[in-house]
Amino acid sequence: MSLKPSEIYLLTPREFTLLLNAEREKHYDSYERQSHFIIMSENAKRAKRSIKASDLYKRPADEKAEAKLQEGVEKAQHASEWLAQFEQFSGKEVSDGRP
């Protein structure tokens, strides 16, 4: 980050964290861009074999986002199981004369 110490002290902890995350993402973007340039160069040299960007660099997964996604999947599955106990949501046709 290109901040002066006096500017850092004026930031709230949340602002500082956001700036750190943005700086980290900027580095990841730079690595991905470099991997694309290398791929273009290597593909020009090796016309017989092609490589992908993920072969050279794969962005680290955000563990918090993965955990949050898994939690959401579990909640949805639990809700589906709970709804299945009712006849309307069990997937069975009920013939009581109504369309």
PDB file of N, CA and C in Angstrom:
ATOM      1  N   MET A   1       0.847  -1.177   0.000  1.00  0.00           N
ATOM      2  CA  MET A   1       0.000   0.000   0.000  1.00  0.00           C
ATOM      3  C   MET A   1       0.886   1.230   0.000  1.00  0.00           C
ATOM      4  N   SER A   2       0.461   2.175  -0.721  1.00  0.00           N
ATOM      5  CA  SER A   2       1.262   3.399  -0.813  1.00  0.00           C
ATOM      6  C   SER A   2       0.664   4.486   0.081  1.00  0.00           C
ATOM      7  N   LEU A   3       0.578   4.196   1.357  1.00  0.00           N
ATOM      8  CA  LEU A   3       0.047   5.165   2.319  1.00  0.00           C
ATOM      9  C   LEU A   3       1.153   5.618   3.256  1.00  0.00           C
ATOM     10  N   LYS A   4       1.062   6.841   3.667  1.00  0.00           N
ATOM     11  CA  LYS A   4       1.988   7.367   4.653  1.00  0.00           C
ATOM     12  C   LYS A   4       1.517   6.911   6.037  1.00  0.00           C
ATOM     13  N   PRO A   5       2.426   6.825   6.997  1.00  0.00           N
ATOM     14  CA  PRO A   5       2.018   6.403   8.341  1.00  0.00           C
ATOM     15  C   PRO A   5       0.891   7.263   8.933  1.00  0.00           C
ATOM     16  N   SER A   6       0.939   8.549   8.678  1.00  0.00           N
ATOM     17  CA  SER A   6      -0.108   9.419   9.214  1.00  0.00           C
ATOM     18  C   SER A   6      -1.466   9.089   8.591  1.00  0.00           C
ATOM     19  N   GLU A   7      -1.476   8.659   7.323  1.00  0.00           N
ATOM     20  CA  GLU A   7      -2.728   8.283   6.672  1.00  0.00           C
ATOM     21  C   GLU A   7      -3.265   6.964   7.220  1.00  0.00           C
ATOM     22  N   ILE A   8      -2.355   6.066   7.568  1.00  0.00           N
ATOM     23  CA  ILE A   8      -2.770   4.775   8.115  1.00  0.00           C
ATOM     24  C   ILE A   8      -3.459   4.966   9.458  1.00  0.00           C
ATOM     25  N   TYR A   9      -2.927   5.852  10.272  1.00  0.00           N
ATOM     26  CA  TYR A   9      -3.512   6.074  11.597  1.00  0.00           C
ATOM     27  C   TYR A   9      -4.911   6.678  11.525  1.00  0.00           C
ATOM     28  N   LEU A  10      -5.219   7.351  10.431  1.00  0.00           N
ATOM     29  CA  LEU A  10      -6.542   7.954  10.284  1.00  0.00           C
ATOM     30  C   LEU A  10      -7.609   6.944   9.864  1.00  0.00           C
ATOM     31  N   LEU A  11      -7.186   5.772   9.416  1.00  0.00           N
ATOM     32  CA  LEU A  11      -8.133   4.759   8.954  1.00  0.00           C
ATOM     33  C   LEU A  11      -8.741   3.987  10.121  1.00  0.00           C
ATOM     34  N   THR A  12      -9.979   3.575   9.941  1.00  0.00           N
ATOM     35  CA  THR A  12     -10.592   2.676  10.917  1.00  0.00           C
ATOM     36  C   THR A  12     -10.050   1.273  10.657  1.00  0.00           C
ATOM     37  N   PRO A  13     -10.158   0.382  11.624  1.00  0.00           N
ATOM     38  CA  PRO A  13      -9.684  -0.985  11.381  1.00  0.00           C
ATOM     39  C   PRO A  13     -10.373  -1.636  10.179  1.00  0.00           C
ATOM     40  N   ARG A  14     -11.651  -1.363   9.995  1.00  0.00           N
ATOM     41  CA  ARG A  14     -12.386  -1.942   8.857  1.00  0.00           C
ATOM     42  C   ARG A  14     -11.847  -1.393   7.533  1.00  0.00           C
ATOM     43  N   GLU A  15     -11.610  -0.087   7.464  1.00  0.00           N
ATOM     44  CA  GLU A  15     -11.061   0.511   6.243  1.00  0.00           C
ATOM     45  C   GLU A  15      -9.680  -0.060   5.927  1.00  0.00           C
ATOM     46  N   PHE A  16      -8.867  -0.222   6.982  1.00  0.00           N
ATOM     47  CA  PHE A  16      -7.529  -0.764   6.799  1.00  0.00           C
ATOM     48  C   PHE A  16      -7.595  -2.194   6.263  1.00  0.00           C
ATOM     49  N   THR A  17      -8.492  -3.008   6.821  1.00  0.00           N
ATOM     50  CA  THR A  17      -8.665  -4.383   6.350  1.00  0.00           C
ATOM     51  C   THR A  17      -9.114  -4.421   4.904  1.00  0.00           C
ATOM     52  N   LEU A  18     -10.046  -3.554   4.540  1.00  0.00           N
ATOM     53  CA  LEU A  18     -10.513  -3.498   3.154  1.00  0.00           C
ATOM     54  C   LEU A  18      -9.381  -3.122   2.202  1.00  0.00           C
ATOM     55  N   LEU A  19      -8.552  -2.169   2.614  1.00  0.00           N
ATOM     56  CA  LEU A  19      -7.418  -1.775   1.782  1.00  0.00           C
ATOM     57  C   LEU A  19      -6.408  -2.916   1.633  1.00  0.00           C
ATOM     58  N   LEU A  20      -6.159  -3.651   2.725  1.00  0.00           N
ATOM     59  CA  LEU A  20      -5.248  -4.790   2.645  1.00  0.00           C
ATOM     60  C   LEU A  20      -5.788  -5.857   1.703  1.00  0.00           C
ATOM     61  N   ASN A  21      -7.075  -6.148   1.803  1.00  0.00           N
ATOM     62  CA  ASN A  21      -7.684  -7.143   0.914  1.00  0.00           C
ATOM     63  C   ASN A  21      -7.625  -6.694  -0.544  1.00  0.00           C
ATOM     64  N   ALA A  22      -7.857  -5.418  -0.786  1.00  0.00           N
ATOM     65  CA  ALA A  22      -7.795  -4.890  -2.152  1.00  0.00           C
ATOM     66  C   ALA A  22      -6.369  -4.999  -2.704  1.00  0.00           C
ATOM     67  N   GLU A  23      -5.394  -4.733  -1.858  1.00  0.00           N
ATOM     68  CA  GLU A  23      -3.992  -4.837  -2.288  1.00  0.00           C
ATOM     69  C   GLU A  23      -3.642  -6.288  -2.615  1.00  0.00           C
ATOM     70  N   ARG A  24      -4.117  -7.224  -1.798  1.00  0.00           N
ATOM     71  CA  ARG A  24      -3.869  -8.645  -2.043  1.00  0.00           C
ATOM     72  C   ARG A  24      -4.503  -9.073  -3.362  1.00  0.00           C
ATOM     73  N   GLU A  25      -5.735  -8.639  -3.617  1.00  0.00           N
ATOM     74  CA  GLU A  25      -6.413  -8.973  -4.875  1.00  0.00           C
ATOM     75  C   GLU A  25      -5.668  -8.389  -6.072  1.00  0.00           C
ATOM     76  N   LYS A  26      -5.097  -7.199  -5.876  1.00  0.00           N
ATOM     77  CA  LYS A  26      -4.319  -6.571  -6.944  1.00  0.00           C
ATOM     78  C   LYS A  26      -3.102  -7.431  -7.299  1.00  0.00           C
ATOM     79  N   HIS A  27      -2.453  -7.992  -6.291  1.00  0.00           N
ATOM     80  CA  HIS A  27      -1.311  -8.876  -6.541  1.00  0.00           C
ATOM     81  C   HIS A  27      -1.765 -10.146  -7.249  1.00  0.00           C
ATOM     82  N   TYR A  28      -2.877 -10.719  -6.812  1.00  0.00           N
ATOM     83  CA  TYR A  28      -3.401 -11.923  -7.465  1.00  0.00           C
ATOM     84  C   TYR A  28      -3.725 -11.639  -8.932  1.00  0.00           C
ATOM     85  N   ASP A  29      -4.318 -10.488  -9.195  1.00  0.00           N
ATOM     86  CA  ASP A  29      -4.623 -10.121 -10.584  1.00  0.00           C
ATOM     87  C   ASP A  29      -3.355 -10.017 -11.411  1.00  0.00           C
ATOM     88  N   SER A  30      -2.315  -9.453 -10.801  1.00  0.00           N
ATOM     89  CA  SER A  30      -1.033  -9.332 -11.492  1.00  0.00           C
ATOM     90  C   SER A  30      -0.457 -10.711 -11.821  1.00  0.00           C
ATOM     91  N   TYR A  31      -0.525 -11.642 -10.861  1.00  0.00           N
ATOM     92  CA  TYR A  31      -0.037 -12.993 -11.106  1.00  0.00           C
ATOM     93  C   TYR A  31      -0.815 -13.674 -12.222  1.00  0.00           C
ATOM     94  N   GLU A  32      -2.125 -13.510 -12.220  1.00  0.00           N
ATOM     95  CA  GLU A  32      -2.946 -14.103 -13.279  1.00  0.00           C
ATOM     96  C   GLU A  32      -2.593 -13.510 -14.642  1.00  0.00           C
ATOM     97  N   ARG A  33      -2.410 -12.202 -14.684  1.00  0.00           N
ATOM     98  CA  ARG A  33      -2.049 -11.533 -15.937  1.00  0.00           C
ATOM     99  C   ARG A  33      -0.711 -12.057 -16.454  1.00  0.00           C
ATOM    100  N   GLN A  34       0.250 -12.212 -15.548  1.00  0.00           N
ATOM    101  CA  GLN A  34       1.554 -12.734 -15.949  1.00  0.00           C
ATOM    102  C   GLN A  34       1.440 -14.157 -16.467  1.00  0.00           C
ATOM    103  N   SER A  35       0.590 -14.955 -15.838  1.00  0.00           N
ATOM    104  CA  SER A  35       0.429 -16.333 -16.305  1.00  0.00           C
ATOM    105  C   SER A  35      -0.175 -16.369 -17.706  1.00  0.00           C
ATOM    106  N   HIS A  36      -1.079 -15.442 -18.012  1.00  0.00           N
ATOM    107  CA  HIS A  36      -1.651 -15.381 -19.356  1.00  0.00           C
ATOM    108  C   HIS A  36      -0.581 -15.023 -20.397  1.00  0.00           C
ATOM    109  N   PHE A  37       0.323 -14.109 -20.053  1.00  0.00           N
ATOM    110  CA  PHE A  37       1.400 -13.753 -20.970  1.00  0.00           C
ATOM    111  C   PHE A  37       2.319 -14.947 -21.210  1.00  0.00           C
ATOM    112  N   ILE A  38       2.618 -15.698 -20.155  1.00  0.00           N
ATOM    113  CA  ILE A  38       3.475 -16.863 -20.295  1.00  0.00           C
ATOM    114  C   ILE A  38       2.800 -17.905 -21.179  1.00  0.00           C
ATOM    115  N   ILE A  39       1.510 -18.084 -21.000  1.00  0.00           N
ATOM    116  CA  ILE A  39       0.776 -19.053 -21.823  1.00  0.00           C
ATOM    117  C   ILE A  39       0.854 -18.670 -23.297  1.00  0.00           C
ATOM    118  N   MET A  40       0.644 -17.399 -23.578  1.00  0.00           N
ATOM    119  CA  MET A  40       0.717 -16.968 -24.974  1.00  0.00           C
ATOM    120  C   MET A  40       2.105 -17.229 -25.551  1.00  0.00           C
ATOM    121  N   SER A  41       3.109 -16.963 -24.768  1.00  0.00           N
ATOM    122  CA  SER A  41       4.473 -17.192 -25.228  1.00  0.00           C
ATOM    123  C   SER A  41       4.739 -18.676 -25.438  1.00  0.00           C
ATOM    124  N   GLU A  42       4.344 -19.497 -24.476  1.00  0.00           N
ATOM    125  CA  GLU A  42       4.575 -20.939 -24.582  1.00  0.00           C
ATOM    126  C   GLU A  42       3.749 -21.565 -25.701  1.00  0.00           C
ATOM    127  N   ASN A  43       2.523 -21.105 -25.881  1.00  0.00           N
ATOM    128  CA  ASN A  43       1.702 -21.645 -26.964  1.00  0.00           C
ATOM    129  C   ASN A  43       2.290 -21.301 -28.329  1.00  0.00           C
ATOM    130  N   ALA A  44       2.932 -20.160 -28.409  1.00  0.00           N
ATOM    131  CA  ALA A  44       3.583 -19.797 -29.669  1.00  0.00           C
ATOM    132  C   ALA A  44       4.776 -20.714 -29.937  1.00  0.00           C
ATOM    133  N   LYS A  45       5.487 -21.100 -28.867  1.00  0.00           N
ATOM    134  CA  LYS A  45       6.643 -21.984 -29.023  1.00  0.00           C
ATOM    135  C   LYS A  45       6.219 -23.421 -29.267  1.00  0.00           C
ATOM    136  N   ARG A  46       5.212 -23.867 -28.536  1.00  0.00           N
ATOM    137  CA  ARG A  46       4.761 -25.266 -28.615  1.00  0.00           C
ATOM    138  C   ARG A  46       3.384 -25.332 -29.258  1.00  0.00           C
ATOM    139  N   ALA A  47       3.346 -25.344 -30.514  1.00  0.00           N
ATOM    140  CA  ALA A  47       2.065 -25.368 -31.226  1.00  0.00           C
ATOM    141  C   ALA A  47       1.355 -26.704 -31.061  1.00  0.00           C
ATOM    142  N   LYS A  48       2.085 -27.775 -30.720  1.00  0.00           N
ATOM    143  CA  LYS A  48       1.469 -29.097 -30.591  1.00  0.00           C
ATOM    144  C   LYS A  48       0.720 -29.255 -29.272  1.00  0.00           C
ATOM    145  N   ARG A  49       1.162 -28.641 -28.208  1.00  0.00           N
ATOM    146  CA  ARG A  49       0.584 -28.834 -26.882  1.00  0.00           C
ATOM    147  C   ARG A  49       0.132 -27.497 -26.300  1.00  0.00           C
ATOM    148  N   SER A  50      -1.080 -27.479 -25.757  1.00  0.00           N
ATOM    149  CA  SER A  50      -1.622 -26.249 -25.183  1.00  0.00           C
ATOM    150  C   SER A  50      -1.719 -26.379 -23.661  1.00  0.00           C
ATOM    151  N   ILE A  51      -1.425 -25.278 -22.957  1.00  0.00           N
ATOM    152  CA  ILE A  51      -1.551 -25.277 -21.507  1.00  0.00           C
ATOM    153  C   ILE A  51      -2.571 -24.227 -21.088  1.00  0.00           C
ATOM    154  N   LYS A  52      -3.117 -24.393 -19.881  1.00  0.00           N
ATOM    155  CA  LYS A  52      -4.125 -23.471 -19.357  1.00  0.00           C
ATOM    156  C   LYS A  52      -3.498 -22.567 -18.305  1.00  0.00           C
ATOM    157  N   ALA A  53      -4.176 -21.467 -18.016  1.00  0.00           N
ATOM    158  CA  ALA A  53      -3.690 -20.529 -17.000  1.00  0.00           C
ATOM    159  C   ALA A  53      -3.611 -21.197 -15.635  1.00  0.00           C
ATOM    160  N   SER A  54      -4.579 -22.064 -15.329  1.00  0.00           N
ATOM    161  CA  SER A  54      -4.586 -22.711 -14.021  1.00  0.00           C
ATOM    162  C   SER A  54      -3.422 -23.685 -13.859  1.00  0.00           C
ATOM    163  N   ASP A  55      -2.804 -24.101 -14.952  1.00  0.00           N
ATOM    164  CA  ASP A  55      -1.616 -24.948 -14.857  1.00  0.00           C
ATOM    165  C   ASP A  55      -0.433 -24.167 -14.282  1.00  0.00           C
ATOM    166  N   LEU A  56      -0.382 -22.875 -14.539  1.00  0.00           N
ATOM    167  CA  LEU A  56       0.728 -22.049 -14.067  1.00  0.00           C
ATOM    168  C   LEU A  56       0.432 -21.365 -12.737  1.00  0.00           C
ATOM    169  N   TYR A  57      -0.783 -20.890 -12.575  1.00  0.00           N
ATOM    170  CA  TYR A  57      -1.120 -20.164 -11.350  1.00  0.00           C
ATOM    171  C   TYR A  57      -2.599 -20.338 -11.053  1.00  0.00           C
ATOM    172  N   LYS A  58      -2.902 -20.714  -9.822  1.00  0.00           N
ATOM    173  CA  LYS A  58      -4.285 -20.831  -9.390  1.00  0.00           C
ATOM    174  C   LYS A  58      -4.466 -19.942  -8.173  1.00  0.00           C
ATOM    175  N   ARG A  59      -5.426 -19.035  -8.258  1.00  0.00           N
ATOM    176  CA  ARG A  59      -5.690 -18.099  -7.172  1.00  0.00           C
ATOM    177  C   ARG A  59      -6.124 -18.864  -5.923  1.00  0.00           C
ATOM    178  N   PRO A  60      -5.550 -18.518  -4.768  1.00  0.00           N
ATOM    179  CA  PRO A  60      -5.946 -19.205  -3.533  1.00  0.00           C
ATOM    180  C   PRO A  60      -7.424 -18.978  -3.232  1.00  0.00           C
ATOM    181  N   ALA A  61      -8.084 -20.023  -2.769  1.00  0.00           N
ATOM    182  CA  ALA A  61      -9.510 -19.930  -2.444  1.00  0.00           C
ATOM    183  C   ALA A  61      -9.683 -19.206  -1.116  1.00  0.00           C
ATOM    184  N   ASP A  62     -10.719 -18.436  -1.044  1.00  0.00           N
ATOM    185  CA  ASP A  62     -11.043 -17.734   0.186  1.00  0.00           C
ATOM    186  C   ASP A  62     -11.746 -18.720   1.115  1.00  0.00           C
ATOM    187  N   GLU A  63     -11.098 -19.089   2.229  1.00  0.00           N
ATOM    188  CA  GLU A  63     -11.632 -20.104   3.121  1.00  0.00           C
ATOM    189  C   GLU A  63     -12.942 -19.669   3.768  1.00  0.00           C
ATOM    190  N   LYS A  64     -13.067 -18.399   4.106  1.00  0.00           N
ATOM    191  CA  LYS A  64     -14.303 -17.916   4.723  1.00  0.00           C
ATOM    192  C   LYS A  64     -15.471 -18.039   3.751  1.00  0.00           C
ATOM    193  N   ALA A  65     -15.236 -17.698   2.493  1.00  0.00           N
ATOM    194  CA  ALA A  65     -16.298 -17.787   1.491  1.00  0.00           C
ATOM    195  C   ALA A  65     -16.696 -19.244   1.271  1.00  0.00           C
ATOM    196  N   GLU A  66     -15.722 -20.149   1.255  1.00  0.00           N
ATOM    197  CA  GLU A  66     -16.014 -21.571   1.098  1.00  0.00           C
ATOM    198  C   GLU A  66     -16.853 -22.076   2.264  1.00  0.00           C
ATOM    199  N   ALA A  67     -16.493 -21.682   3.491  1.00  0.00           N
ATOM    200  CA  ALA A  67     -17.235 -22.114   4.668  1.00  0.00           C
ATOM    201  C   ALA A  67     -18.657 -21.576   4.643  1.00  0.00           C
ATOM    202  N   LYS A  68     -18.810 -20.317   4.232  1.00  0.00           N
ATOM    203  CA  LYS A  68     -20.130 -19.700   4.152  1.00  0.00           C
ATOM    204  C   LYS A  68     -20.997 -20.395   3.104  1.00  0.00           C
ATOM    205  N   LEU A  69     -20.409 -20.734   1.973  1.00  0.00           N
ATOM    206  CA  LEU A  69     -21.128 -21.438   0.919  1.00  0.00           C
ATOM    207  C   LEU A  69     -21.584 -22.815   1.404  1.00  0.00           C
ATOM    208  N   GLN A  70     -20.696 -23.541   2.079  1.00  0.00           N
ATOM    209  CA  GLN A  70     -21.044 -24.865   2.594  1.00  0.00           C
ATOM    210  C   GLN A  70     -22.156 -24.758   3.632  1.00  0.00           C
ATOM    211  N   GLU A  71     -22.109 -23.739   4.465  1.00  0.00           N
ATOM    212  CA  GLU A  71     -23.154 -23.522   5.471  1.00  0.00           C
ATOM    213  C   GLU A  71     -24.499 -23.266   4.796  1.00  0.00           C
ATOM    214  N   GLY A  72     -24.500 -22.490   3.733  1.00  0.00           N
ATOM    215  CA  GLY A  72     -25.728 -22.220   2.988  1.00  0.00           C
ATOM    216  C   GLY A  72     -26.299 -23.473   2.350  1.00  0.00           C
ATOM    217  N   VAL A  73     -25.417 -24.323   1.830  1.00  0.00           N
ATOM    218  CA  VAL A  73     -25.858 -25.585   1.224  1.00  0.00           C
ATOM    219  C   VAL A  73     -26.500 -26.470   2.286  1.00  0.00           C
ATOM    220  N   GLU A  74     -25.889 -26.537   3.459  1.00  0.00           N
ATOM    221  CA  GLU A  74     -26.442 -27.353   4.543  1.00  0.00           C
ATOM    222  C   GLU A  74     -27.790 -26.825   5.006  1.00  0.00           C
ATOM    223  N   LYS A  75     -27.938 -25.506   5.103  1.00  0.00           N
ATOM    224  CA  LYS A  75     -29.218 -24.919   5.500  1.00  0.00           C
ATOM    225  C   LYS A  75     -30.303 -25.235   4.478  1.00  0.00           C
ATOM    226  N   ALA A  76     -29.975 -25.133   3.198  1.00  0.00           N
ATOM    227  CA  ALA A  76     -30.948 -25.423   2.144  1.00  0.00           C
ATOM    228  C   ALA A  76     -31.352 -26.897   2.173  1.00  0.00           C
ATOM    229  N   GLN A  77     -30.404 -27.764   2.420  1.00  0.00           N
ATOM    230  CA  GLN A  77     -30.694 -29.191   2.488  1.00  0.00           C
ATOM    231  C   GLN A  77     -31.596 -29.484   3.689  1.00  0.00           C
ATOM    232  N   HIS A  78     -31.312 -28.854   4.818  1.00  0.00           N
ATOM    233  CA  HIS A  78     -32.136 -29.035   6.011  1.00  0.00           C
ATOM    234  C   HIS A  78     -33.558 -28.531   5.750  1.00  0.00           C
ATOM    235  N   ALA A  79     -33.692 -27.399   5.087  1.00  0.00           N
ATOM    236  CA  ALA A  79     -35.011 -26.851   4.777  1.00  0.00           C
ATOM    237  C   ALA A  79     -35.778 -27.789   3.851  1.00  0.00           C
ATOM    238  N   SER A  80     -35.101 -28.378   2.879  1.00  0.00           N
ATOM    239  CA  SER A  80     -35.753 -29.319   1.962  1.00  0.00           C
ATOM    240  C   SER A  80     -36.238 -30.555   2.713  1.00  0.00           C
ATOM    241  N   GLU A  81     -35.417 -31.058   3.621  1.00  0.00           N
ATOM    242  CA  GLU A  81     -35.820 -32.217   4.420  1.00  0.00           C
ATOM    243  C   GLU A  81     -37.023 -31.879   5.296  1.00  0.00           C
ATOM    244  N   TRP A  82     -37.026 -30.695   5.877  1.00  0.00           N
ATOM    245  CA  TRP A  82     -38.133 -30.273   6.735  1.00  0.00           C
ATOM    246  C   TRP A  82     -39.415 -30.123   5.923  1.00  0.00           C
ATOM    247  N   LEU A  83     -39.320 -29.530   4.731  1.00  0.00           N
ATOM    248  CA  LEU A  83     -40.500 -29.356   3.890  1.00  0.00           C
ATOM    249  C   LEU A  83     -41.039 -30.687   3.370  1.00  0.00           C
ATOM    250  N   ALA A  84     -40.168 -31.679   3.216  1.00  0.00           N
ATOM    251  CA  ALA A  84     -40.592 -32.974   2.679  1.00  0.00           C
ATOM    252  C   ALA A  84     -41.558 -33.693   3.608  1.00  0.00           C
ATOM    253  N   GLN A  85     -41.613 -33.298   4.881  1.00  0.00           N
ATOM    254  CA  GLN A  85     -42.528 -33.960   5.802  1.00  0.00           C
ATOM    255  C   GLN A  85     -43.986 -33.580   5.554  1.00  0.00           C
ATOM    256  N   PHE A  86     -44.227 -32.527   4.823  1.00  0.00           N
ATOM    257  CA  PHE A  86     -45.576 -32.098   4.500  1.00  0.00           C
ATOM    258  C   PHE A  86     -45.992 -32.672   3.150  1.00  0.00           C
ATOM    259  N   GLU A  87     -47.244 -33.031   3.004  1.00  0.00           N
ATOM    260  CA  GLU A  87     -47.721 -33.675   1.783  1.00  0.00           C
ATOM    261  C   GLU A  87     -47.575 -32.781   0.559  1.00  0.00           C
ATOM    262  N   GLN A  88     -47.779 -31.471   0.716  1.00  0.00           N
ATOM    263  CA  GLN A  88     -47.708 -30.576  -0.439  1.00  0.00           C
ATOM    264  C   GLN A  88     -46.300 -30.546  -1.040  1.00  0.00           C
ATOM    265  N   PHE A  89     -45.283 -30.759  -0.207  1.00  0.00           N
ATOM    266  CA  PHE A  89     -43.907 -30.617  -0.667  1.00  0.00           C
ATOM    267  C   PHE A  89     -43.175 -31.948  -0.787  1.00  0.00           C
ATOM    268  N   SER A  90     -43.881 -33.050  -0.576  1.00  0.00           N
ATOM    269  CA  SER A  90     -43.210 -34.347  -0.599  1.00  0.00           C
ATOM    270  C   SER A  90     -42.985 -34.880  -1.997  1.00  0.00           C
ATOM    271  N   GLY A  91     -43.628 -34.271  -2.987  1.00  0.00           N
ATOM    272  CA  GLY A  91     -43.467 -34.724  -4.367  1.00  0.00           C
ATOM    273  C   GLY A  91     -44.499 -35.736  -4.760  1.00  0.00           C
ATOM    274  N   LYS A  92     -45.392 -36.064  -3.839  1.00  0.00           N
ATOM    275  CA  LYS A  92     -46.450 -37.020  -4.133  1.00  0.00           C
ATOM    276  C   LYS A  92     -47.695 -36.267  -4.568  1.00  0.00           C
ATOM    277  N   GLU A  93     -48.418 -36.840  -5.499  1.00  0.00           N
ATOM    278  CA  GLU A  93     -49.684 -36.256  -5.951  1.00  0.00           C
ATOM    279  C   GLU A  93     -50.778 -36.646  -4.963  1.00  0.00           C
ATOM    280  N   VAL A  94     -51.545 -35.676  -4.529  1.00  0.00           N
ATOM    281  CA  VAL A  94     -52.674 -35.943  -3.635  1.00  0.00           C
ATOM    282  C   VAL A  94     -53.941 -35.724  -4.440  1.00  0.00           C
ATOM    283  N   SER A  95     -54.774 -36.760  -4.524  1.00  0.00           N
ATOM    284  CA  SER A  95     -55.997 -36.644  -5.312  1.00  0.00           C
ATOM    285  C   SER A  95     -57.187 -36.446  -4.365  1.00  0.00           C
ATOM    286  N   ASP A  96     -57.495 -35.202  -4.088  1.00  0.00           N
ATOM    287  CA  ASP A  96     -58.641 -34.896  -3.253  1.00  0.00           C
ATOM    288  C   ASP A  96     -59.716 -34.162  -4.043  1.00  0.00           C
ATOM    289  N   GLY A  97     -59.656 -34.262  -5.344  1.00  0.00           N
ATOM    290  CA  GLY A  97     -60.657 -33.632  -6.203  1.00  0.00           C
ATOM    291  C   GLY A  97     -60.274 -32.256  -6.670  1.00  0.00           C
ATOM    292  N   ARG A  98     -59.180 -31.689  -6.135  1.00  0.00           N
ATOM    293  CA  ARG A  98     -58.735 -30.352  -6.564  1.00  0.00           C
ATOM    294  C   ARG A  98     -57.722 -30.483  -7.687  1.00  0.00           C
ATOM    295  N   PRO A  99     -57.724 -29.515  -8.600  1.00  0.00           N
ATOM    296  CA  PRO A  99     -56.761 -29.568  -9.715  1.00  0.00           C
ATOM    297  C   PRO A  99     -55.348 -29.291  -9.274  1.00  0.00           C
TER     298      PRO A  99
END
